[in-house]
Amino acid sequence: MRPTTATHDNVFDFQALLHPGTVFEHPKDVVSHPDLTLAEKRAILASWASDASAIASCPALRAPEGLKAPVSIDAILEALCELDGGPRNPPGGTPKRRFSTARALAA
């Protein structure tokens, strides 16, 4: 992981946002970066998850310019969930229907 923000100033490296693979090797590196704000981390991960970095023959993998190895969209989404600090699956379970969809309507 290469630093994106200098500790002595408040300048953000837009290279990290436009091409996260040139700065970070894995989404966990973004989450654990001490000098980035929560908004900057979200922006970098969202940029990484965008369809612009998807591999055409395998859309579940992302390979932004400069990345050594492709990263799965699941790893990126896990990193975004980690920023939220909540459970990956929201509470509530499966929705229940009021009326059965299996019943045939009487004619």
C-alpha atoms as a PDB file:
ATOM      1  CA  MET A   1       0.000   0.000   0.000  1.00  0.00           C
ATOM      2  CA  ARG A   2       1.316   3.400  -0.959  1.00  0.00           C
ATOM      3  CA  PRO A   3       0.259   6.495   1.028  1.00  0.00           C
ATOM      4  CA  THR A   4      -2.400   8.657  -0.584  1.00  0.00           C
ATOM      5  CA  THR A   5      -2.444  11.601   1.775  1.00  0.00           C
ATOM      6  CA  ALA A   6       0.514  13.375   3.279  1.00  0.00           C
ATOM      7  CA  THR A   7       0.335  13.621   7.059  1.00  0.00           C
ATOM      8  CA  HIS A   8       1.434  17.253   7.097  1.00  0.00           C
ATOM      9  CA  ASP A   9      -1.197  18.623   4.713  1.00  0.00           C
ATOM     10  CA  ASN A  10      -4.797  18.055   3.735  1.00  0.00           C
ATOM     11  CA  VAL A  11      -4.286  17.110   0.074  1.00  0.00           C
ATOM     12  CA  PHE A  12      -6.071  14.059  -1.324  1.00  0.00           C
ATOM     13  CA  ASP A  13      -4.427  12.037  -4.075  1.00  0.00           C
ATOM     14  CA  PHE A  14      -7.044  11.735  -6.830  1.00  0.00           C
ATOM     15  CA  GLN A  15      -5.001   8.952  -8.400  1.00  0.00           C
ATOM     16  CA  ALA A  16      -6.362   6.732  -5.620  1.00  0.00           C
ATOM     17  CA  LEU A  17      -9.908   7.592  -6.614  1.00  0.00           C
ATOM     18  CA  LEU A  18      -9.486   7.361 -10.370  1.00  0.00           C
ATOM     19  CA  HIS A  19      -7.185   4.326 -10.418  1.00  0.00           C
ATOM     20  CA  PRO A  20      -7.331   2.575  -7.014  1.00  0.00           C
ATOM     21  CA  GLY A  21      -5.290  -0.368  -8.301  1.00  0.00           C
ATOM     22  CA  THR A  22      -2.241   1.868  -8.693  1.00  0.00           C
ATOM     23  CA  VAL A  23      -2.362   2.835  -5.022  1.00  0.00           C
ATOM     24  CA  PHE A  24      -3.966  -0.101  -3.188  1.00  0.00           C
ATOM     25  CA  GLU A  25      -3.503  -3.835  -3.701  1.00  0.00           C
ATOM     26  CA  HIS A  26      -6.741  -4.946  -1.984  1.00  0.00           C
ATOM     27  CA  PRO A  27      -9.949  -3.287  -0.710  1.00  0.00           C
ATOM     28  CA  LYS A  28      -8.910  -4.132   2.872  1.00  0.00           C
ATOM     29  CA  ASP A  29      -5.952  -1.762   2.370  1.00  0.00           C
ATOM     30  CA  VAL A  30      -8.432   1.049   1.756  1.00  0.00           C
ATOM     31  CA  VAL A  31     -10.438   0.201   4.891  1.00  0.00           C
ATOM     32  CA  SER A  32      -7.348   0.046   7.100  1.00  0.00           C
ATOM     33  CA  HIS A  33      -5.694   3.216   5.752  1.00  0.00           C
ATOM     34  CA  PRO A  34      -5.280   5.533   8.769  1.00  0.00           C
ATOM     35  CA  ASP A  35      -5.144   8.873   6.939  1.00  0.00           C
ATOM     36  CA  LEU A  36      -8.275   8.565   4.777  1.00  0.00           C
ATOM     37  CA  THR A  37     -11.642   9.866   5.907  1.00  0.00           C
ATOM     38  CA  LEU A  38     -14.713   7.644   5.764  1.00  0.00           C
ATOM     39  CA  ALA A  39     -15.988   9.575   2.729  1.00  0.00           C
ATOM     40  CA  GLU A  40     -12.673   9.134   0.898  1.00  0.00           C
ATOM     41  CA  LYS A  41     -12.658   5.392   1.628  1.00  0.00           C
ATOM     42  CA  ARG A  42     -16.223   5.061   0.328  1.00  0.00           C
ATOM     43  CA  ALA A  43     -15.391   7.002  -2.831  1.00  0.00           C
ATOM     44  CA  ILE A  44     -12.334   4.855  -3.553  1.00  0.00           C
ATOM     45  CA  LEU A  45     -14.212   1.591  -2.984  1.00  0.00           C
ATOM     46  CA  ALA A  46     -17.179   2.783  -5.043  1.00  0.00           C
ATOM     47  CA  SER A  47     -14.827   3.712  -7.869  1.00  0.00           C
ATOM     48  CA  TRP A  48     -13.218   0.296  -7.612  1.00  0.00           C
ATOM     49  CA  ALA A  49     -16.604  -1.444  -7.706  1.00  0.00           C
ATOM     50  CA  SER A  50     -17.831   0.496 -10.717  1.00  0.00           C
ATOM     51  CA  ASP A  51     -18.517  -1.352 -13.949  1.00  0.00           C
ATOM     52  CA  ALA A  52     -15.728   0.598 -15.620  1.00  0.00           C
ATOM     53  CA  SER A  53     -13.209  -1.685 -13.907  1.00  0.00           C
ATOM     54  CA  ALA A  54     -15.088  -4.947 -14.557  1.00  0.00           C
ATOM     55  CA  ILE A  55     -13.391  -7.617 -16.637  1.00  0.00           C
ATOM     56  CA  ALA A  56     -15.524  -8.147 -19.753  1.00  0.00           C
ATOM     57  CA  SER A  57     -15.339 -11.937 -19.756  1.00  0.00           C
ATOM     58  CA  CYS A  58     -15.834 -12.226 -15.976  1.00  0.00           C
ATOM     59  CA  PRO A  59     -17.946  -9.350 -14.610  1.00  0.00           C
ATOM     60  CA  ALA A  60     -17.603 -10.535 -10.983  1.00  0.00           C
ATOM     61  CA  LEU A  61     -13.903  -9.570 -11.090  1.00  0.00           C
ATOM     62  CA  ARG A  62     -12.594  -6.021 -11.079  1.00  0.00           C
ATOM     63  CA  ALA A  63      -9.234  -5.019 -12.480  1.00  0.00           C
ATOM     64  CA  PRO A  64      -8.676  -1.257 -12.395  1.00  0.00           C
ATOM     65  CA  GLU A  65      -5.696   0.092 -14.291  1.00  0.00           C
ATOM     66  CA  GLY A  66      -2.431  -0.747 -12.560  1.00  0.00           C
ATOM     67  CA  LEU A  67      -3.729  -3.585 -10.366  1.00  0.00           C
ATOM     68  CA  LYS A  68      -1.451  -6.620 -10.068  1.00  0.00           C
ATOM     69  CA  ALA A  69      -4.244  -9.187  -9.641  1.00  0.00           C
ATOM     70  CA  PRO A  70      -8.032  -8.961 -10.145  1.00  0.00           C
ATOM     71  CA  VAL A  71     -10.253  -8.469  -7.096  1.00  0.00           C
ATOM     72  CA  SER A  72     -13.748  -9.911  -6.717  1.00  0.00           C
ATOM     73  CA  ILE A  73     -16.735  -7.622  -6.339  1.00  0.00           C
ATOM     74  CA  ASP A  74     -17.547  -9.543  -3.147  1.00  0.00           C
ATOM     75  CA  ALA A  75     -14.261  -8.402  -1.572  1.00  0.00           C
ATOM     76  CA  ILE A  76     -15.048  -4.797  -2.473  1.00  0.00           C
ATOM     77  CA  LEU A  77     -18.597  -5.018  -1.108  1.00  0.00           C
ATOM     78  CA  GLU A  78     -17.301  -6.667   2.090  1.00  0.00           C
ATOM     79  CA  ALA A  79     -14.925  -3.743   2.559  1.00  0.00           C
ATOM     80  CA  LEU A  80     -17.816  -1.293   2.097  1.00  0.00           C
ATOM     81  CA  CYS A  81     -19.871  -3.243   4.659  1.00  0.00           C
ATOM     82  CA  GLU A  82     -16.939  -3.145   7.049  1.00  0.00           C
ATOM     83  CA  LEU A  83     -16.985   0.650   6.816  1.00  0.00           C
ATOM     84  CA  ASP A  84     -20.664   0.585   7.795  1.00  0.00           C
ATOM     85  CA  GLY A  85     -19.876  -1.508  10.854  1.00  0.00           C
ATOM     86  CA  GLY A  86     -23.132  -3.428  10.520  1.00  0.00           C
ATOM     87  CA  PRO A  87     -24.165  -6.923   9.568  1.00  0.00           C
ATOM     88  CA  ARG A  88     -23.779  -8.002   5.957  1.00  0.00           C
ATOM     89  CA  ASN A  89     -27.391  -9.232   5.813  1.00  0.00           C
ATOM     90  CA  PRO A  90     -29.893  -6.792   7.298  1.00  0.00           C
ATOM     91  CA  PRO A  91     -32.283  -8.110   9.943  1.00  0.00           C
ATOM     92  CA  GLY A  92     -35.818  -9.064   9.038  1.00  0.00           C
ATOM     93  CA  GLY A  93     -35.441 -12.328   7.161  1.00  0.00           C
ATOM     94  CA  THR A  94     -37.518 -13.243   4.148  1.00  0.00           C
ATOM     95  CA  PRO A  95     -40.740 -11.367   3.439  1.00  0.00           C
ATOM     96  CA  LYS A  96     -43.986 -13.196   4.117  1.00  0.00           C
ATOM     97  CA  ARG A  97     -46.941 -12.888   1.766  1.00  0.00           C
ATOM     98  CA  ARG A  98     -50.378 -12.243   3.136  1.00  0.00           C
ATOM     99  CA  PHE A  99     -52.015 -14.507   0.609  1.00  0.00           C
ATOM    100  CA  SER A 100     -50.680 -17.667  -0.945  1.00  0.00           C
ATOM    101  CA  THR A 101     -49.478 -17.356  -4.521  1.00  0.00           C
ATOM    102  CA  ALA A 102     -49.932 -21.102  -5.011  1.00  0.00           C
ATOM    103  CA  ARG A 103     -53.748 -20.968  -4.871  1.00  0.00           C
ATOM    104  CA  ALA A 104     -55.514 -21.009  -8.191  1.00  0.00           C
ATOM    105  CA  LEU A 105     -58.046 -18.267  -8.643  1.00  0.00           C
ATOM    106  CA  ALA A 106     -61.627 -19.489  -8.773  1.00  0.00           C
ATOM    107  CA  ALA A 107     -63.274 -18.724 -12.076  1.00  0.00           C
END
